[in-house]
PDB file of N, CA and C in Angstrom:
ATOM      1  N   MET A   1      -5.984 -19.517 -18.928  1.00  0.00           N
ATOM      2  CA  MET A   1      -5.324 -18.584 -19.817  1.00  0.00           C
ATOM      3  C   MET A   1      -3.846 -18.714 -19.649  1.00  0.00           C
ATOM      4  N   THR A   2      -3.121 -18.738 -20.703  1.00  0.00           N
ATOM      5  CA  THR A   2      -1.726 -18.797 -20.667  1.00  0.00           C
ATOM      6  C   THR A   2      -1.139 -17.534 -21.151  1.00  0.00           C
ATOM      7  N   THR A   3      -0.155 -17.077 -20.378  1.00  0.00           N
ATOM      8  CA  THR A   3       0.483 -15.782 -20.650  1.00  0.00           C
ATOM      9  C   THR A   3       2.055 -15.936 -20.461  1.00  0.00           C
ATOM     10  N   SER A   4       2.728 -15.442 -21.363  1.00  0.00           N
ATOM     11  CA  SER A   4       4.207 -15.452 -21.266  1.00  0.00           C
ATOM     12  C   SER A   4       4.775 -14.009 -21.220  1.00  0.00           C
ATOM     13  N   ILE A   5       5.821 -13.840 -20.508  1.00  0.00           N
ATOM     14  CA  ILE A   5       6.434 -12.529 -20.410  1.00  0.00           C
ATOM     15  C   ILE A   5       7.971 -12.668 -20.639  1.00  0.00           C
ATOM     16  N   LYS A   6       8.535 -11.568 -21.214  1.00  0.00           N
ATOM     17  CA  LYS A   6       9.981 -11.537 -21.463  1.00  0.00           C
ATOM     18  C   LYS A   6      10.541 -10.674 -20.272  1.00  0.00           C
ATOM     19  N   THR A   7      11.605 -11.156 -19.843  1.00  0.00           N
ATOM     20  CA  THR A   7      12.396 -10.522 -18.778  1.00  0.00           C
ATOM     21  C   THR A   7      13.814 -10.450 -19.135  1.00  0.00           C
ATOM     22  N   ASP A   8      14.592  -9.571 -18.437  1.00  0.00           N
ATOM     23  CA  ASP A   8      16.035  -9.503 -18.792  1.00  0.00           C
ATOM     24  C   ASP A   8      16.755 -10.778 -18.123  1.00  0.00           C
ATOM     25  N   GLU A   9      17.914 -10.916 -18.506  1.00  0.00           N
ATOM     26  CA  GLU A   9      18.737 -12.126 -18.002  1.00  0.00           C
ATOM     27  C   GLU A   9      18.809 -12.170 -16.525  1.00  0.00           C
ATOM     28  N   ASP A  10      19.001 -11.067 -15.808  1.00  0.00           N
ATOM     29  CA  ASP A  10      19.156 -11.089 -14.426  1.00  0.00           C
ATOM     30  C   ASP A  10      17.889 -11.587 -13.698  1.00  0.00           C
ATOM     31  N   LEU A  11      16.738 -10.994 -14.127  1.00  0.00           N
ATOM     32  CA  LEU A  11      15.473 -11.428 -13.518  1.00  0.00           C
ATOM     33  C   LEU A  11      15.159 -12.907 -13.812  1.00  0.00           C
ATOM     34  N   THR A  12      15.428 -13.259 -15.079  1.00  0.00           N
ATOM     35  CA  THR A  12      15.187 -14.603 -15.510  1.00  0.00           C
ATOM     36  C   THR A  12      15.905 -15.559 -14.589  1.00  0.00           C
ATOM     37  N   SER A  13      17.270 -15.292 -14.399  1.00  0.00           N
ATOM     38  CA  SER A  13      18.101 -16.131 -13.567  1.00  0.00           C
ATOM     39  C   SER A  13      17.630 -16.177 -12.181  1.00  0.00           C
ATOM     40  N   ARG A  14      17.314 -15.059 -11.580  1.00  0.00           N
ATOM     41  CA  ARG A  14      16.827 -15.046 -10.169  1.00  0.00           C
ATOM     42  C   ARG A  14      15.461 -15.736 -10.059  1.00  0.00           C
ATOM     43  N   THR A  15      14.579 -15.657 -11.009  1.00  0.00           N
ATOM     44  CA  THR A  15      13.321 -16.235 -11.051  1.00  0.00           C
ATOM     45  C   THR A  15      13.524 -17.801 -11.085  1.00  0.00           C
ATOM     46  N   GLN A  16      14.398 -18.219 -11.849  1.00  0.00           N
ATOM     47  CA  GLN A  16      14.626 -19.628 -11.975  1.00  0.00           C
ATOM     48  C   GLN A  16      15.307 -20.270 -10.735  1.00  0.00           C
ATOM     49  N   GLN A  17      16.027 -19.401 -10.029  1.00  0.00           N
ATOM     50  CA  GLN A  17      16.692 -19.945  -8.757  1.00  0.00           C
ATOM     51  C   GLN A  17      15.685 -19.967  -7.613  1.00  0.00           C
ATOM     52  N   LEU A  18      14.754 -19.081  -7.559  1.00  0.00           N
ATOM     53  CA  LEU A  18      13.808 -19.072  -6.490  1.00  0.00           C
ATOM     54  C   LEU A  18      13.068 -20.365  -6.221  1.00  0.00           C
ATOM     55  N   PRO A  19      12.472 -21.025  -7.257  1.00  0.00           N
ATOM     56  CA  PRO A  19      11.852 -22.296  -7.011  1.00  0.00           C
ATOM     57  C   PRO A  19      12.735 -23.344  -6.458  1.00  0.00           C
ATOM     58  N   ASN A  20      14.088 -23.313  -6.868  1.00  0.00           N
ATOM     59  CA  ASN A  20      14.926 -24.374  -6.379  1.00  0.00           C
ATOM     60  C   ASN A  20      15.131 -24.210  -4.889  1.00  0.00           C
ATOM     61  N   THR A  21      15.124 -22.981  -4.327  1.00  0.00           N
ATOM     62  CA  THR A  21      15.355 -22.819  -2.930  1.00  0.00           C
ATOM     63  C   THR A  21      14.045 -23.172  -2.132  1.00  0.00           C
ATOM     64  N   GLN A  22      12.923 -23.135  -2.784  1.00  0.00           N
ATOM     65  CA  GLN A  22      11.694 -23.443  -2.094  1.00  0.00           C
ATOM     66  C   GLN A  22      10.978 -24.730  -2.633  1.00  0.00           C
ATOM     67  N   GLN A  23      11.640 -25.432  -3.496  1.00  0.00           N
ATOM     68  CA  GLN A  23      11.191 -26.622  -4.078  1.00  0.00           C
ATOM     69  C   GLN A  23       9.813 -26.507  -4.742  1.00  0.00           C
ATOM     70  N   ARG A  24       9.658 -25.418  -5.475  1.00  0.00           N
ATOM     71  CA  ARG A  24       8.498 -25.178  -6.208  1.00  0.00           C
ATOM     72  C   ARG A  24       8.824 -24.798  -7.624  1.00  0.00           C
ATOM     73  N   SER A  25       7.850 -24.835  -8.509  1.00  0.00           N
ATOM     74  CA  SER A  25       8.159 -24.505  -9.931  1.00  0.00           C
ATOM     75  C   SER A  25       8.033 -22.958 -10.120  1.00  0.00           C
ATOM     76  N   VAL A  26       8.602 -22.492 -11.157  1.00  0.00           N
ATOM     77  CA  VAL A  26       8.561 -21.023 -11.519  1.00  0.00           C
ATOM     78  C   VAL A  26       7.063 -20.706 -11.613  1.00  0.00           C
ATOM     79  N   ARG A  27       6.280 -21.521 -12.268  1.00  0.00           N
ATOM     80  CA  ARG A  27       4.852 -21.239 -12.499  1.00  0.00           C
ATOM     81  C   ARG A  27       4.101 -21.134 -11.139  1.00  0.00           C
ATOM     82  N   CYS A  28       4.424 -22.009 -10.165  1.00  0.00           N
ATOM     83  CA  CYS A  28       3.824 -21.940  -8.880  1.00  0.00           C
ATOM     84  C   CYS A  28       4.147 -20.628  -8.197  1.00  0.00           C
ATOM     85  N   CYS A  29       5.454 -20.213  -8.317  1.00  0.00           N
ATOM     86  CA  CYS A  29       5.822 -18.958  -7.642  1.00  0.00           C
ATOM     87  C   CYS A  29       5.196 -17.751  -8.300  1.00  0.00           C
ATOM     88  N   MET A  30       5.020 -17.767  -9.639  1.00  0.00           N
ATOM     89  CA  MET A  30       4.342 -16.635 -10.328  1.00  0.00           C
ATOM     90  C   MET A  30       2.902 -16.581  -9.976  1.00  0.00           C
ATOM     91  N   ARG A  31       2.211 -17.810  -9.813  1.00  0.00           N
ATOM     92  CA  ARG A  31       0.796 -17.837  -9.421  1.00  0.00           C
ATOM     93  C   ARG A  31       0.620 -17.201  -8.054  1.00  0.00           C
ATOM     94  N   GLU A  32       1.636 -17.380  -7.182  1.00  0.00           N
ATOM     95  CA  GLU A  32       1.578 -16.827  -5.834  1.00  0.00           C
ATOM     96  C   GLU A  32       1.933 -15.311  -5.895  1.00  0.00           C
ATOM     97  N   VAL A  33       2.811 -14.863  -6.673  1.00  0.00           N
ATOM     98  CA  VAL A  33       3.249 -13.482  -6.657  1.00  0.00           C
ATOM     99  C   VAL A  33       2.288 -12.515  -7.393  1.00  0.00           C
ATOM    100  N   LEU A  34       1.724 -12.943  -8.461  1.00  0.00           N
ATOM    101  CA  LEU A  34       0.909 -12.049  -9.267  1.00  0.00           C
ATOM    102  C   LEU A  34      -0.307 -11.616  -8.499  1.00  0.00           C
ATOM    103  N   PRO A  35      -1.039 -12.422  -7.756  1.00  0.00           N
ATOM    104  CA  PRO A  35      -2.195 -11.870  -7.063  1.00  0.00           C
ATOM    105  C   PRO A  35      -1.762 -10.833  -6.017  1.00  0.00           C
ATOM    106  N   ARG A  36      -0.592 -11.088  -5.324  1.00  0.00           N
ATOM    107  CA  ARG A  36      -0.046 -10.114  -4.396  1.00  0.00           C
ATOM    108  C   ARG A  36       0.176  -8.815  -5.003  1.00  0.00           C
ATOM    109  N   LEU A  37       0.798  -8.799  -6.225  1.00  0.00           N
ATOM    110  CA  LEU A  37       1.083  -7.580  -6.978  1.00  0.00           C
ATOM    111  C   LEU A  37      -0.115  -6.843  -7.389  1.00  0.00           C
ATOM    112  N   VAL A  38      -1.082  -7.544  -7.853  1.00  0.00           N
ATOM    113  CA  VAL A  38      -2.359  -6.911  -8.231  1.00  0.00           C
ATOM    114  C   VAL A  38      -3.057  -6.299  -7.023  1.00  0.00           C
ATOM    115  N   ALA A  39      -3.126  -7.003  -5.901  1.00  0.00           N
ATOM    116  CA  ALA A  39      -3.712  -6.480  -4.691  1.00  0.00           C
ATOM    117  C   ALA A  39      -3.084  -5.225  -4.226  1.00  0.00           C
ATOM    118  N   ARG A  40      -1.695  -5.265  -4.228  1.00  0.00           N
ATOM    119  CA  ARG A  40      -0.887  -4.108  -3.790  1.00  0.00           C
ATOM    120  C   ARG A  40      -1.210  -2.848  -4.672  1.00  0.00           C
ATOM    121  N   GLU A  41      -1.339  -3.089  -5.991  1.00  0.00           N
ATOM    122  CA  GLU A  41      -1.583  -2.000  -6.875  1.00  0.00           C
ATOM    123  C   GLU A  41      -3.018  -1.419  -6.751  1.00  0.00           C
ATOM    124  N   VAL A  42      -3.980  -2.293  -6.386  1.00  0.00           N
ATOM    125  CA  VAL A  42      -5.286  -1.793  -6.125  1.00  0.00           C
ATOM    126  C   VAL A  42      -5.289  -0.938  -4.872  1.00  0.00           C
ATOM    127  N   VAL A  43      -4.602  -1.374  -3.790  1.00  0.00           N
ATOM    128  CA  VAL A  43      -4.554  -0.540  -2.612  1.00  0.00           C
ATOM    129  C   VAL A  43      -3.784   0.763  -2.908  1.00  0.00           C
ATOM    130  N   ARG A  44      -2.740   0.669  -3.628  1.00  0.00           N
ATOM    131  CA  ARG A  44      -1.941   1.937  -3.953  1.00  0.00           C
ATOM    132  C   ARG A  44      -2.838   2.921  -4.708  1.00  0.00           C
ATOM    133  N   LYS A  45      -3.646   2.412  -5.709  1.00  0.00           N
ATOM    134  CA  LYS A  45      -4.513   3.284  -6.455  1.00  0.00           C
ATOM    135  C   LYS A  45      -5.563   3.921  -5.559  1.00  0.00           C
ATOM    136  N   SER A  46      -6.173   3.111  -4.706  1.00  0.00           N
ATOM    137  CA  SER A  46      -7.151   3.593  -3.812  1.00  0.00           C
ATOM    138  C   SER A  46      -6.581   4.677  -2.892  1.00  0.00           C
ATOM    139  N   PHE A  47      -5.382   4.435  -2.331  1.00  0.00           N
ATOM    140  CA  PHE A  47      -4.704   5.400  -1.463  1.00  0.00           C
ATOM    141  C   PHE A  47      -4.513   6.657  -2.161  1.00  0.00           C
ATOM    142  N   LYS A  48      -4.080   6.578  -3.421  1.00  0.00           N
ATOM    143  CA  LYS A  48      -3.812   7.849  -4.172  1.00  0.00           C
ATOM    144  C   LYS A  48      -5.105   8.584  -4.397  1.00  0.00           C
ATOM    145  N   ARG A  49      -6.204   7.877  -4.723  1.00  0.00           N
ATOM    146  CA  ARG A  49      -7.458   8.542  -4.980  1.00  0.00           C
ATOM    147  C   ARG A  49      -7.945   9.242  -3.693  1.00  0.00           C
ATOM    148  N   GLU A  50      -7.706   8.526  -2.553  1.00  0.00           N
ATOM    149  CA  GLU A  50      -8.207   9.202  -1.298  1.00  0.00           C
ATOM    150  C   GLU A  50      -7.415  10.386  -0.904  1.00  0.00           C
ATOM    151  N   ALA A  51      -6.000  10.396  -1.290  1.00  0.00           N
ATOM    152  CA  ALA A  51      -5.098  11.442  -1.002  1.00  0.00           C
ATOM    153  C   ALA A  51      -5.514  12.661  -1.902  1.00  0.00           C
ATOM    154  N   LEU A  52      -5.885  12.437  -3.129  1.00  0.00           N
ATOM    155  CA  LEU A  52      -6.335  13.500  -3.970  1.00  0.00           C
ATOM    156  C   LEU A  52      -7.623  14.149  -3.498  1.00  0.00           C
ATOM    157  N   VAL A  53      -8.492  13.330  -3.065  1.00  0.00           N
ATOM    158  CA  VAL A  53      -9.810  13.850  -2.507  1.00  0.00           C
ATOM    159  C   VAL A  53      -9.466  14.749  -1.289  1.00  0.00           C
ATOM    160  N   SER A  54      -8.611  14.221  -0.394  1.00  0.00           N
ATOM    161  CA  SER A  54      -8.294  15.042   0.745  1.00  0.00           C
ATOM    162  C   SER A  54      -7.568  16.312   0.363  1.00  0.00           C
ATOM    163  N   TRP A  55      -6.679  16.295  -0.557  1.00  0.00           N
ATOM    164  CA  TRP A  55      -5.943  17.428  -1.026  1.00  0.00           C
ATOM    165  C   TRP A  55      -6.864  18.533  -1.619  1.00  0.00           C
ATOM    166  N   ASN A  56      -7.816  17.983  -2.418  1.00  0.00           N
ATOM    167  CA  ASN A  56      -8.791  18.919  -3.034  1.00  0.00           C
ATOM    168  C   ASN A  56      -9.692  19.605  -1.967  1.00  0.00           C
ATOM    169  N   ALA A  57     -10.084  18.717  -0.943  1.00  0.00           N
ATOM    170  CA  ALA A  57     -10.856  19.257   0.128  1.00  0.00           C
ATOM    171  C   ALA A  57     -10.094  20.345   0.933  1.00  0.00           C
ATOM    172  N   TYR A  58      -8.836  20.098   1.152  1.00  0.00           N
ATOM    173  CA  TYR A  58      -8.020  21.125   1.817  1.00  0.00           C
ATOM    174  C   TYR A  58      -7.920  22.402   1.045  1.00  0.00           C
ATOM    175  N   LYS A  59      -7.688  22.262  -0.295  1.00  0.00           N
ATOM    176  CA  LYS A  59      -7.590  23.404  -1.125  1.00  0.00           C
ATOM    177  C   LYS A  59      -8.892  24.242  -1.137  1.00  0.00           C
ATOM    178  N   GLU A  60      -9.984  23.593  -1.013  1.00  0.00           N
ATOM    179  CA  GLU A  60     -11.277  24.294  -1.033  1.00  0.00           C
ATOM    180  C   GLU A  60     -11.608  24.987   0.294  1.00  0.00           C
ATOM    181  N   THR A  61     -11.311  24.270   1.425  1.00  0.00           N
ATOM    182  CA  THR A  61     -11.728  24.735   2.725  1.00  0.00           C
ATOM    183  C   THR A  61     -10.582  25.320   3.594  1.00  0.00           C
ATOM    184  N   GLY A  62      -9.392  24.821   3.363  1.00  0.00           N
ATOM    185  CA  GLY A  62      -8.252  25.226   4.104  1.00  0.00           C
ATOM    186  C   GLY A  62      -8.205  24.436   5.545  1.00  0.00           C
ATOM    187  N   GLU A  63      -9.232  23.699   5.835  1.00  0.00           N
ATOM    188  CA  GLU A  63      -9.312  23.067   7.100  1.00  0.00           C
ATOM    189  C   GLU A  63      -8.366  21.912   7.145  1.00  0.00           C
ATOM    190  N   HIS A  64      -7.617  21.711   8.308  1.00  0.00           N
ATOM    191  CA  HIS A  64      -6.614  20.701   8.430  1.00  0.00           C
ATOM    192  C   HIS A  64      -6.316  20.388   9.889  1.00  0.00           C
ATOM    193  N   LEU A  65      -5.508  19.431  10.099  1.00  0.00           N
ATOM    194  CA  LEU A  65      -4.856  19.042  11.363  1.00  0.00           C
ATOM    195  C   LEU A  65      -3.306  19.069  11.106  1.00  0.00           C
ATOM    196  N   THR A  66      -2.572  19.503  12.063  1.00  0.00           N
ATOM    197  CA  THR A  66      -1.058  19.388  11.893  1.00  0.00           C
ATOM    198  C   THR A  66      -0.617  17.925  12.213  1.00  0.00           C
ATOM    199  N   GLY A  67       0.522  17.623  11.798  1.00  0.00           N
ATOM    200  CA  GLY A  67       1.132  16.333  12.055  1.00  0.00           C
ATOM    201  C   GLY A  67       1.196  16.112  13.606  1.00  0.00           C
ATOM    202  N   ALA A  68       1.576  17.171  14.364  1.00  0.00           N
ATOM    203  CA  ALA A  68       1.587  16.974  15.802  1.00  0.00           C
ATOM    204  C   ALA A  68       0.334  16.651  16.376  1.00  0.00           C
ATOM    205  N   GLU A  69      -0.731  17.265  15.865  1.00  0.00           N
ATOM    206  CA  GLU A  69      -2.173  17.007  16.396  1.00  0.00           C
ATOM    207  C   GLU A  69      -2.542  15.534  16.135  1.00  0.00           C
ATOM    208  N   ILE A  70      -2.210  15.102  14.905  1.00  0.00           N
ATOM    209  CA  ILE A  70      -2.533  13.717  14.538  1.00  0.00           C
ATOM    210  C   ILE A  70      -1.776  12.830  15.365  1.00  0.00           C
ATOM    211  N   ARG A  71      -0.409  13.025  15.597  1.00  0.00           N
ATOM    212  CA  ARG A  71       0.408  12.079  16.411  1.00  0.00           C
ATOM    213  C   ARG A  71      -0.116  12.053  17.776  1.00  0.00           C
ATOM    214  N   SER A  72      -0.407  13.152  18.374  1.00  0.00           N
ATOM    215  CA  SER A  72      -1.021  13.302  19.717  1.00  0.00           C
ATOM    216  C   SER A  72      -2.348  12.472  19.820  1.00  0.00           C
ATOM    217  N   TRP A  73      -3.156  12.603  18.892  1.00  0.00           N
ATOM    218  CA  TRP A  73      -4.436  11.821  18.924  1.00  0.00           C
ATOM    219  C   TRP A  73      -4.205  10.325  18.725  1.00  0.00           C
ATOM    220  N   LEU A  74      -3.274   9.918  17.866  1.00  0.00           N
ATOM    221  CA  LEU A  74      -2.967   8.584  17.658  1.00  0.00           C
ATOM    222  C   LEU A  74      -2.415   7.900  18.933  1.00  0.00           C
ATOM    223  N   LYS A  75      -1.663   8.614  19.686  1.00  0.00           N
ATOM    224  CA  LYS A  75      -1.058   8.066  20.943  1.00  0.00           C
ATOM    225  C   LYS A  75      -2.184   7.730  21.944  1.00  0.00           C
ATOM    226  N   THR A  76      -3.415   8.170  21.714  1.00  0.00           N
ATOM    227  CA  THR A  76      -4.443   7.896  22.663  1.00  0.00           C
ATOM    228  C   THR A  76      -5.131   6.521  22.268  1.00  0.00           C
ATOM    229  N   TRP A  77      -4.916   6.051  21.133  1.00  0.00           N
ATOM    230  CA  TRP A  77      -5.630   4.869  20.613  1.00  0.00           C
ATOM    231  C   TRP A  77      -5.198   3.686  21.558  1.00  0.00           C
ATOM    232  N   GLY A  78      -6.194   2.853  21.881  1.00  0.00           N
ATOM    233  CA  GLY A  78      -5.985   1.669  22.675  1.00  0.00           C
ATOM    234  C   GLY A  78      -5.646   1.969  24.144  1.00  0.00           C
ATOM    235  N   THR A  79      -5.929   3.171  24.579  1.00  0.00           N
ATOM    236  CA  THR A  79      -5.645   3.494  25.947  1.00  0.00           C
ATOM    237  C   THR A  79      -7.014   3.795  26.602  1.00  0.00           C
ATOM    238  N   GLU A  80      -7.008   3.946  27.895  1.00  0.00           N
ATOM    239  CA  GLU A  80      -8.260   4.251  28.641  1.00  0.00           C
ATOM    240  C   GLU A  80      -8.692   5.660  28.415  1.00  0.00           C
ATOM    241  N   VAL A  81      -7.791   6.506  27.903  1.00  0.00           N
ATOM    242  CA  VAL A  81      -8.142   7.955  27.653  1.00  0.00           C
ATOM    243  C   VAL A  81      -8.139   8.184  26.219  1.00  0.00           C
ATOM    244  N   ALA A  82      -8.564   7.238  25.384  1.00  0.00           N
ATOM    245  CA  ALA A  82      -8.666   7.406  23.950  1.00  0.00           C
ATOM    246  C   ALA A  82      -9.619   8.590  23.639  1.00  0.00           C
ATOM    247  N   SER A  83      -9.204   9.426  22.714  1.00  0.00           N
ATOM    248  CA  SER A  83      -9.978  10.668  22.393  1.00  0.00           C
ATOM    249  C   SER A  83     -10.498  10.589  21.005  1.00  0.00           C
ATOM    250  N   ASP A  84     -11.473  11.390  20.815  1.00  0.00           N
ATOM    251  CA  ASP A  84     -12.059  11.592  19.419  1.00  0.00           C
ATOM    252  C   ASP A  84     -11.086  12.419  18.649  1.00  0.00           C
ATOM    253  N   LEU A  85     -11.291  12.287  17.332  1.00  0.00           N
ATOM    254  CA  LEU A  85     -10.471  13.113  16.335  1.00  0.00           C
ATOM    255  C   LEU A  85     -10.567  14.575  16.750  1.00  0.00           C
ATOM    256  N   PRO A  86      -9.523  15.351  16.858  1.00  0.00           N
ATOM    257  CA  PRO A  86      -9.609  16.690  17.165  1.00  0.00           C
ATOM    258  C   PRO A  86     -10.384  17.452  15.975  1.00  0.00           C
ATOM    259  N   PRO A  87     -10.994  18.586  16.249  1.00  0.00           N
ATOM    260  CA  PRO A  87     -11.621  19.291  15.195  1.00  0.00           C
ATOM    261  C   PRO A  87     -10.632  19.996  14.233  1.00  0.00           C
ATOM    262  N   PHE A  88     -11.029  19.927  13.015  1.00  0.00           N
ATOM    263  CA  PHE A  88     -10.214  20.598  12.066  1.00  0.00           C
ATOM    264  C   PHE A  88     -10.191  22.104  12.191  1.00  0.00           C
ATOM    265  N   HIS A  89      -9.178  22.756  11.678  1.00  0.00           N
ATOM    266  CA  HIS A  89      -9.112  24.225  11.860  1.00  0.00           C
ATOM    267  C   HIS A  89      -8.466  24.770  10.605  1.00  0.00           C
ATOM    268  N   ASP A  90      -8.556  26.127  10.444  1.00  0.00           N
ATOM    269  CA  ASP A  90      -7.965  26.804   9.252  1.00  0.00           C
ATOM    270  C   ASP A  90      -6.512  27.064   9.564  1.00  0.00           C
TER     271      ASP A  90
END
């Protein structure tokens, strides 16, 4: 599939300079960049969906952990005294 896009002069100029510094064509650079962009957007969308689920659960139950509780728990990761996730509270 062939696709073309229009860009402003600044982006066009920077895009054309990039392959020169890496000895690759614009097409090669775009084929490398687009999959990364798509993957990043998929992750971002998933993160947002998870955040909304968490927010709705909090609004319904009021159960939560404070930032300090989470940081304290995370500090135990990878240590001999690693602990389980603290219980949620109101």
